[in-house]
Every structure is written in C-alpha cells, then in structure tokens.
C-alpha cells in the first residue's frame, strides 16, 4: 500500500471516529436527560408513596371508627330485640284480654255505671232493688276492669314503643354517622387505589427510562471500544507513514550529502586544475620572461608579447616593492 493510500485510509478512519464521537456525545446527552427525568419520576413516586401511606392511615383510622360505630349501633339494636319481644308478649296477653272483654264498648259500660250510681244516689230505692243495682254495678265494673287491664297493657306497649323509638333514634344516628364515615372510607380507598395506579405508572415510566439509560451506557461503551480500535488503526498507519517518511527523508538526506560530496570533490578537482594551470602559466611566464630579459640584455629587439610580459613583471615588482 502506497503512502497516499495510507493517508487516504487515515482520513477515512478520522472521519469514522468523528461520526462515532458525535454518536457518543448524543448518547451521553440522552443519558443525562434520561437520568434527570428518571430521578424526577423516582422523587414523584416517593411523594406518591407518602401520600398513599397518609391516605391509608386516614382510611384505617376511619375504618376503626366505622367498626366502633357498628358496635355501638349493634349494641342499641340488641337492646331493641327484647323490647320487641316484650311488646309481642303484651300484645298476645292483650289479645287474650280482648277475647274475654264484653261486646259492649267501654264508654257505654262506664256510662251505664254512672247512670246506676246516679240512680242509687238520687232515688229512694228499696233494699232489694238497691242490692240488685249494686250487683249490676259490680258486674259492669268487672267488665270495665277488663278494659282497664287492656289499657294498662297499651300503656306498657306505649312505654316500650317510646323506649324503642329512643333506641331507634340512637341506632339511626349511629347508622347515619356510620354510613357517612363508611362513604368517606370508600372515597379514601378509591383515592388510594388511584394513587397506587398513578405510582405504578410513574414507576414503570422511571424503569423504562432507567433501562434506556443502561442501554445508552452500553452503547457508549461499545462506541468507545470502536473508537479505540479505529484510533489504534489510525495511529498504526500514522506510525507506518512516519517510518516511511523517515526512510524517505533519510534517503533524500543521503542523496543530498552524496551530491554535496560530489560537487565538493568536483570543485576541489577544478581548483587543483586551476592551480596547476596557474603554476604552469607562471612557469612558462617565468621562462619567457627570462628569455626576454636575456634578449634585452643582448640588445636584441623584443616582440610585442615579450614586451608585455616584461611590463607585467615590472608592475608586479613595483607592487611588491610598495607592499
């Protein structure tokens, strides 16, 4: 694989890592939202549970009161039973008295007694007649006494009925209060059931959020593993490219140093050639100068080149003298 291919692959891995990191960030944001909402719902569930306990406490207290009222009502009703039994017995006794009672009305008997008494008191009667009338009064009083016994039984029944009425009123009061209290207990019970359903719904929602939070955490964990794997691959390619670049730079360095050494050697050879040429020229110049001087000493004519060579030597000597 060429270096460029590896660089392209690094770019692709970096892009994949960026996408995965974005997914991690989104999942992390979602996790925080889930935790916040879950905690709010858990707090709400706790509050609802406290309300349920409070309602249950009220309901139980009211139920105790209901039981107490039932007991009070039943105690009163227990008292009514023997009274009704007594009334029944009195009515039976009264019925027996009615059977023995004459067919004449009570007020007619009393009227007849009053009439006979008045006659005895106001008329002059012989002993036999008076005795007969007194006997008749006694008979009538005996018949009237049967009605009086019935009236006495009616009085007992009235008294018992009044007692029963009082007890019925007490039982009614207890029953009314019991009914109202039982209704309140039922309302509290229904309220508690509704709160339990609400708490269950809130808890289920909190559990769903917690499950989502766990899933997001697992997702983030897996994404981080994927990022680590891709990062390792990218770093491996980076190191490979770096090593390849290092080898390339090393080759380039060696090439540059080789080229530099070659140029330095070439310059050195050129310098040697130039120095050799200068030495050769100097030697030739010295030789020609000596020949021209010899000709000059002999009075021979110098050529133009020889004349320039002599002039050049003279200038060189002047310069050396001045130094």
Protein backbone atom coordinates (compact mmCIF):
# COMPACT_ATOMS: atom_id res chain seq x y z
CA UNK A 1 0.00 0.00 0.00
CA UNK A 2 1.38 3.37 -1.01
CA UNK A 3 1.83 6.26 1.39
CA UNK A 4 -1.02 8.14 -0.29
CA UNK A 5 -3.32 5.16 0.10
CA UNK A 6 -2.43 5.04 3.77
CA UNK A 7 -3.07 8.78 4.13
CA UNK A 8 -6.45 8.32 2.45
CA UNK A 9 -7.21 5.49 4.83
CA UNK A 10 -6.19 7.68 7.80
CA UNK A 11 -8.57 10.39 6.57
CA UNK A 12 -11.37 7.83 6.29
CA UNK A 13 -10.65 6.49 9.79
CA UNK A 14 -10.60 10.03 11.20
CA UNK A 15 -14.00 10.65 9.58
CA UNK A 16 -15.39 7.42 11.08
CA UNK A 17 -14.04 8.38 14.51
CA UNK A 18 -15.66 11.82 14.23
CA UNK A 19 -19.02 10.19 13.43
CA UNK A 20 -18.66 7.78 16.36
CA UNK A 21 -17.69 10.60 18.74
CA UNK A 22 -20.77 12.53 17.62
CA UNK A 23 -22.87 9.45 18.39
CA UNK A 24 -21.20 9.19 21.81
CA UNK A 25 -21.98 12.84 22.56
CA UNK A 26 -25.61 12.43 21.50
CA UNK A 27 -25.96 9.24 23.55
CA UNK A 28 -24.35 10.96 26.54
CA UNK A 29 -26.74 13.93 26.26
CA UNK A 30 -29.66 11.50 26.00
CA UNK A 31 -28.36 9.56 29.04
CA UNK A 32 -28.22 12.74 31.11
CA UNK A 33 -31.79 13.62 30.09
CA UNK A 34 -32.92 10.08 30.97
CA UNK A 35 -31.20 10.21 34.36
CA UNK A 36 -32.67 13.64 35.14
CA UNK A 37 -36.19 12.57 34.13
CA UNK A 38 -35.81 9.19 35.89
CA UNK A 39 -34.74 10.91 39.11
CA UNK A 40 -37.67 13.33 38.86
CA UNK A 41 -40.07 10.40 38.40
CA UNK A 42 -38.49 8.50 41.30
CA UNK A 43 -38.97 11.57 43.52
CA UNK A 44 -42.55 11.81 42.28
CA UNK A 45 -43.06 8.10 43.06
CA UNK A 46 -41.67 8.64 46.58
CA UNK A 47 -44.06 11.55 47.08
CA UNK A 48 -46.98 9.45 45.83
CA UNK A 49 -45.99 6.59 48.18
CA UNK A 50 -46.00 9.03 51.09
CA UNK A 51 -49.45 10.24 50.01
CA UNK A 52 -50.63 6.61 49.75
CA UNK A 53 -49.37 5.87 53.27
CA UNK A 54 -51.09 9.01 54.57
CA UNK A 55 -54.37 8.12 52.82
CA UNK A 56 -54.15 4.51 54.06
CA UNK A 57 -53.57 5.76 57.60
CA UNK A 58 -56.64 8.01 57.35
CA UNK A 59 -58.70 5.19 55.84
CA UNK A 60 -57.61 2.72 58.54
CA UNK A 61 -58.43 5.22 61.28
CA UNK A 62 -61.84 5.81 59.72
CA UNK A 63 -62.39 2.05 59.35
CA UNK A 64 -61.69 1.69 63.05
CA UNK A 65 -64.28 4.37 63.68
CA UNK A 66 -66.70 2.52 61.36
CA UNK A 67 -66.20 -0.66 63.38
CA UNK A 68 -66.75 1.26 66.62
CA UNK A 69 -69.96 2.81 65.23
CA UNK A 70 -71.15 -0.60 64.04
CA UNK A 71 -70.59 -1.97 67.53
CA UNK A 72 -72.48 0.94 69.10
CA UNK A 73 -75.32 0.58 66.60
CA UNK A 74 -75.48 -3.19 67.12
CA UNK A 75 -75.50 -2.71 70.91
CA UNK A 76 -78.52 -0.47 70.54
CA UNK A 77 -80.19 -2.93 68.16
CA UNK A 78 -79.55 -5.74 70.66
CA UNK A 79 -81.48 -3.69 73.26
CA UNK A 80 -84.39 -3.29 70.84
CA UNK A 81 -84.85 -7.05 70.37
CA UNK A 82 -86.06 -7.86 73.95
CA UNK A 83 -88.31 -4.78 73.85
CA UNK A 84 -89.95 -6.05 70.68
CA UNK A 85 -90.26 -9.48 72.26
CA UNK A 86 -91.93 -7.86 75.31
CA UNK A 87 -94.31 -5.89 73.09
CA UNK A 88 -95.16 -9.11 71.29
CA UNK A 89 -95.86 -10.83 74.61
CA UNK A 90 -98.01 -7.90 75.76
CA UNK A 91 -99.95 -7.93 72.51
CA UNK A 92 -100.62 -11.63 72.97
CA UNK A 93 -101.77 -11.03 76.54
CA UNK A 94 -103.88 -8.11 75.35
CA UNK A 95 -105.45 -10.32 72.71
CA UNK A 96 -106.46 -12.79 75.42
CA UNK A 97 -107.99 -9.93 77.40
CA UNK A 98 -109.88 -8.79 74.32
CA UNK A 99 -111.38 -12.23 73.92
CA UNK A 100 -112.72 -12.05 77.50
CA UNK A 101 -113.88 -8.45 77.12
CA UNK A 102 -117.65 -7.88 76.69
CA UNK A 103 -119.09 -6.87 73.39
CA UNK A 104 -120.25 -3.59 74.91
CA UNK A 105 -117.99 -0.62 74.36
CA UNK A 106 -116.01 0.65 77.32
CA UNK A 107 -117.60 4.07 77.30
CA UNK A 108 -121.08 2.51 77.21
CA UNK A 109 -120.24 0.43 80.27
CA UNK A 110 -118.89 3.47 82.07
CA UNK A 111 -121.97 5.44 81.08
CA UNK A 112 -124.19 2.65 82.45
CA UNK A 113 -122.24 2.53 85.71
CA UNK A 114 -122.54 6.29 86.06
CA UNK A 115 -126.27 6.08 85.38
CA UNK A 116 -126.83 3.36 88.01
CA UNK A 117 -124.67 5.22 90.56
CA UNK A 118 -126.68 8.35 89.97
CA UNK A 119 -129.93 6.43 90.37
CA UNK A 120 -128.78 4.86 93.65
CA UNK A 121 -127.70 8.25 94.98
CA UNK A 122 -130.71 10.24 93.88
CA UNK A 123 -133.70 7.87 94.10
CA UNK A 124 -135.29 6.23 97.08
CA UNK A 125 -134.99 2.52 96.45
CA UNK A 126 -135.97 -0.49 98.47
CA UNK A 127 -133.18 -2.69 99.76
CA UNK A 128 -133.67 -5.43 97.21
CA UNK A 129 -133.64 -3.02 94.27
CA UNK A 130 -130.61 -1.23 95.59
CA UNK A 131 -128.84 -4.55 96.16
CA UNK A 132 -129.66 -5.60 92.59
CA UNK A 133 -128.32 -2.33 91.20
CA UNK A 134 -125.14 -2.58 93.29
CA UNK A 135 -124.63 -6.11 91.97
CA UNK A 136 -125.18 -4.86 88.46
CA UNK A 137 -122.56 -2.12 89.03
CA UNK A 138 -120.08 -4.67 90.31
CA UNK A 139 -120.68 -6.80 87.23
CA UNK A 140 -120.24 -3.79 85.00
CA UNK A 141 -117.07 -2.77 86.90
CA UNK A 142 -115.75 -6.30 86.40
CA UNK A 143 -116.34 -5.90 82.68
CA UNK A 144 -114.79 -2.40 82.77
CA UNK A 145 -111.79 -3.77 84.66
CA UNK A 146 -111.05 -5.96 81.64
CA UNK A 147 -110.82 -2.84 79.51
CA UNK A 148 -108.62 -1.19 82.15
CA UNK A 149 -106.28 -4.18 82.01
CA UNK A 150 -106.13 -3.76 78.24
CA UNK A 151 -105.42 -0.02 78.71
CA UNK A 152 -102.66 -0.92 81.17
CA UNK A 153 -101.15 -3.22 78.59
CA UNK A 154 -101.47 -0.46 75.98
CA UNK A 155 -99.65 1.86 78.37
CA UNK A 156 -96.88 -0.70 78.70
CA UNK A 157 -96.76 -1.05 74.93
CA UNK A 158 -96.62 2.75 74.57
CA UNK A 159 -93.80 2.94 77.08
CA UNK A 160 -91.89 0.20 75.30
CA UNK A 161 -92.56 1.81 71.95
CA UNK A 162 -91.21 5.11 73.30
CA UNK A 163 -88.12 3.30 74.56
CA UNK A 164 -87.79 1.57 71.18
CA UNK A 165 -88.21 4.92 69.42
CA UNK A 166 -85.40 6.38 71.54
CA UNK A 167 -83.18 3.40 70.77
CA UNK A 168 -84.14 3.55 67.08
CA UNK A 169 -83.11 7.21 67.06
CA UNK A 170 -79.79 6.31 68.67
CA UNK A 171 -79.27 3.45 66.23
CA UNK A 172 -80.28 5.74 63.36
CA UNK A 173 -77.79 8.36 64.50
CA UNK A 174 -75.06 5.74 64.74
CA UNK A 175 -76.07 4.28 61.37
CA UNK A 176 -76.13 7.70 59.69
CA UNK A 177 -72.70 8.57 61.07
CA UNK A 178 -71.53 5.07 60.15
CA UNK A 179 -72.80 5.47 56.59
CA UNK A 180 -71.14 8.88 56.20
CA UNK A 181 -67.91 7.55 57.71
CA UNK A 182 -68.04 4.43 55.53
CA UNK A 183 -68.59 6.67 52.50
CA UNK A 184 -65.54 8.73 53.47
CA UNK A 185 -63.59 5.49 53.94
CA UNK A 186 -64.66 4.35 50.46
CA UNK A 187 -63.64 7.71 48.98
CA UNK A 188 -60.24 7.44 50.64
CA UNK A 189 -59.91 3.85 49.45
CA UNK A 190 -60.72 4.86 45.87
CA UNK A 191 -58.28 7.77 46.17
CA UNK A 192 -55.62 5.37 47.46
CA UNK A 193 -56.28 2.93 44.57
CA UNK A 194 -55.95 5.82 42.09
CA UNK A 195 -52.71 6.92 43.76
CA UNK A 196 -51.39 3.36 43.64
CA UNK A 197 -52.18 3.21 39.91
CA UNK A 198 -50.52 6.61 39.42
CA UNK A 199 -47.45 5.50 41.39
CA UNK A 200 -47.27 2.29 39.38
CA UNK A 201 -47.47 4.24 36.11
CA UNK A 202 -44.76 6.68 37.27
CA UNK A 203 -42.55 3.79 38.44
CA UNK A 204 -42.98 1.96 35.13
CA UNK A 205 -42.01 5.14 33.23
CA UNK A 206 -38.98 5.59 35.51
CA UNK A 207 -38.00 1.93 34.92
CA UNK A 208 -38.27 2.42 31.14
CA UNK A 209 -36.02 5.49 31.37
CA UNK A 210 -33.55 3.61 33.56
CA UNK A 211 -33.50 0.75 31.05
CA UNK A 212 -32.87 3.28 28.25
CA UNK A 213 -30.11 4.85 30.36
CA UNK A 214 -28.43 1.43 30.81
CA UNK A 215 -28.76 0.72 27.08
CA UNK A 216 -27.24 4.12 26.25
CA UNK A 217 -24.36 3.49 28.64
CA UNK A 218 -23.74 0.13 26.96
CA UNK A 219 -23.99 1.82 23.56
CA UNK A 220 -21.46 4.47 24.63
CA UNK A 221 -19.16 1.73 25.94
CA UNK A 222 -19.31 -0.12 22.62
CA UNK A 223 -18.82 3.12 20.67
CA UNK A 224 -15.75 3.96 22.76
CA UNK A 225 -14.37 0.49 22.07
CA UNK A 226 -14.94 1.07 18.33
CA UNK A 227 -13.28 4.49 18.59
CA UNK A 228 -10.32 2.95 20.42
CA UNK A 229 -9.98 0.26 17.72
CA UNK A 230 -10.16 2.80 14.88
CA UNK A 231 -7.81 5.15 16.74
CA UNK A 232 -5.34 2.28 17.13
CA UNK A 233 -5.59 1.53 13.42
CA UNK A 234 -5.11 5.21 12.59
CA UNK A 235 -2.10 5.52 14.91
CA UNK A 236 -0.64 2.38 13.36
CA UNK A 237 -1.00 3.87 9.90
CA UNK A 238 0.44 7.17 11.19
CA UNK A 239 3.46 5.31 12.53
CA UNK A 240 3.85 3.40 9.26
CA UNK A 241 3.64 6.63 7.24
CA UNK A 242 6.01 8.31 9.67
CA UNK A 243 8.51 5.46 9.29
CA UNK A 244 8.14 5.57 5.52
CA UNK A 245 8.64 9.35 5.55
CA UNK A 246 11.61 8.89 7.83
CA UNK A 247 13.17 6.39 5.41
CA UNK A 248 12.38 8.70 2.52
CA UNK A 249 13.91 11.67 4.32
CA UNK A 250 16.93 9.55 5.16
CA UNK A 251 17.32 8.57 1.51
CA UNK A 252 16.92 12.21 0.49
CA UNK A 253 19.50 13.23 3.10
CA UNK A 254 21.97 10.60 1.91
CA UNK A 255 21.28 11.66 -1.68
CA UNK A 256 21.86 15.33 -0.82
CA UNK A 257 25.05 14.53 1.08
CA UNK A 258 26.27 12.35 -1.81
CA UNK A 259 25.51 15.12 -4.27
CA UNK A 260 27.18 17.68 -1.98
CA UNK A 261 30.28 15.48 -1.65
CA UNK A 262 30.33 15.00 -5.40
CA UNK A 263 30.12 18.76 -6.01
CA UNK A 264 32.78 19.42 -3.36
CA UNK A 265 35.09 16.89 -4.97
CA UNK A 266 34.38 18.39 -8.37
CA UNK A 267 35.18 21.87 -7.06
CA UNK A 268 38.34 20.57 -5.43
CA UNK A 269 39.42 18.95 -8.72
CA UNK A 270 38.61 22.16 -10.57
CA UNK A 271 40.66 24.09 -8.01
CA UNK A 272 43.57 21.69 -8.47
CA UNK A 273 43.33 22.06 -12.23
CA UNK A 274 43.14 25.82 -11.93
CA UNK A 275 46.14 25.93 -9.58
CA UNK A 276 48.09 23.60 -11.87
CA UNK A 277 47.22 25.79 -14.81
CA UNK A 278 48.33 28.89 -12.90
CA UNK A 279 51.55 27.20 -11.91
CA UNK A 280 52.16 26.10 -15.50
CA UNK A 281 51.36 29.58 -16.74
CA UNK A 282 53.62 31.09 -14.12
CA UNK A 283 56.44 28.72 -15.01
CA UNK A 284 56.02 29.49 -18.71
CA UNK A 285 55.81 33.17 -17.96
CA UNK A 286 58.98 32.97 -15.86
CA UNK A 287 60.76 31.10 -18.62
CA UNK A 288 59.61 33.55 -21.33
CA UNK A 289 60.48 36.48 -19.09
CA UNK A 290 63.97 35.16 -18.58
CA UNK A 291 64.40 34.70 -22.31
CA UNK A 292 63.10 38.25 -22.98
CA UNK A 293 65.45 39.69 -20.39
CA UNK A 294 68.30 37.80 -21.89
CA UNK A 295 67.43 39.22 -25.31
CA UNK A 296 67.14 42.65 -23.82
CA UNK A 297 70.48 42.31 -22.15
CA UNK A 298 71.94 41.33 -25.51
CA UNK A 299 70.34 44.41 -27.07
CA UNK A 300 68.07 42.35 -29.19
CA UNK A 301 64.66 43.62 -30.16
CA UNK A 302 61.71 42.26 -28.15
CA UNK A 303 58.44 41.08 -29.69
CA UNK A 304 55.22 42.69 -28.64
CA UNK A 305 54.33 39.70 -26.42
CA UNK A 306 57.75 39.71 -24.85
CA UNK A 307 57.44 43.48 -24.26
CA UNK A 308 54.04 42.98 -22.49
CA UNK A 309 55.49 40.14 -20.45
CA UNK A 310 58.38 42.38 -19.30
CA UNK A 311 55.93 45.21 -18.50
CA UNK A 312 53.81 42.84 -16.48
CA UNK A 313 56.83 41.68 -14.48
CA UNK A 314 57.84 45.28 -13.82
CA UNK A 315 54.39 46.14 -12.48
CA UNK A 316 54.46 43.08 -10.30
CA UNK A 317 57.83 44.12 -8.87
CA UNK A 318 56.53 47.65 -8.19
CA UNK A 319 53.57 46.27 -6.38
CA UNK A 320 55.77 44.03 -4.32
CA UNK A 321 58.05 46.97 -3.50
CA UNK A 322 55.10 49.06 -2.37
CA UNK A 323 53.95 46.28 -0.09
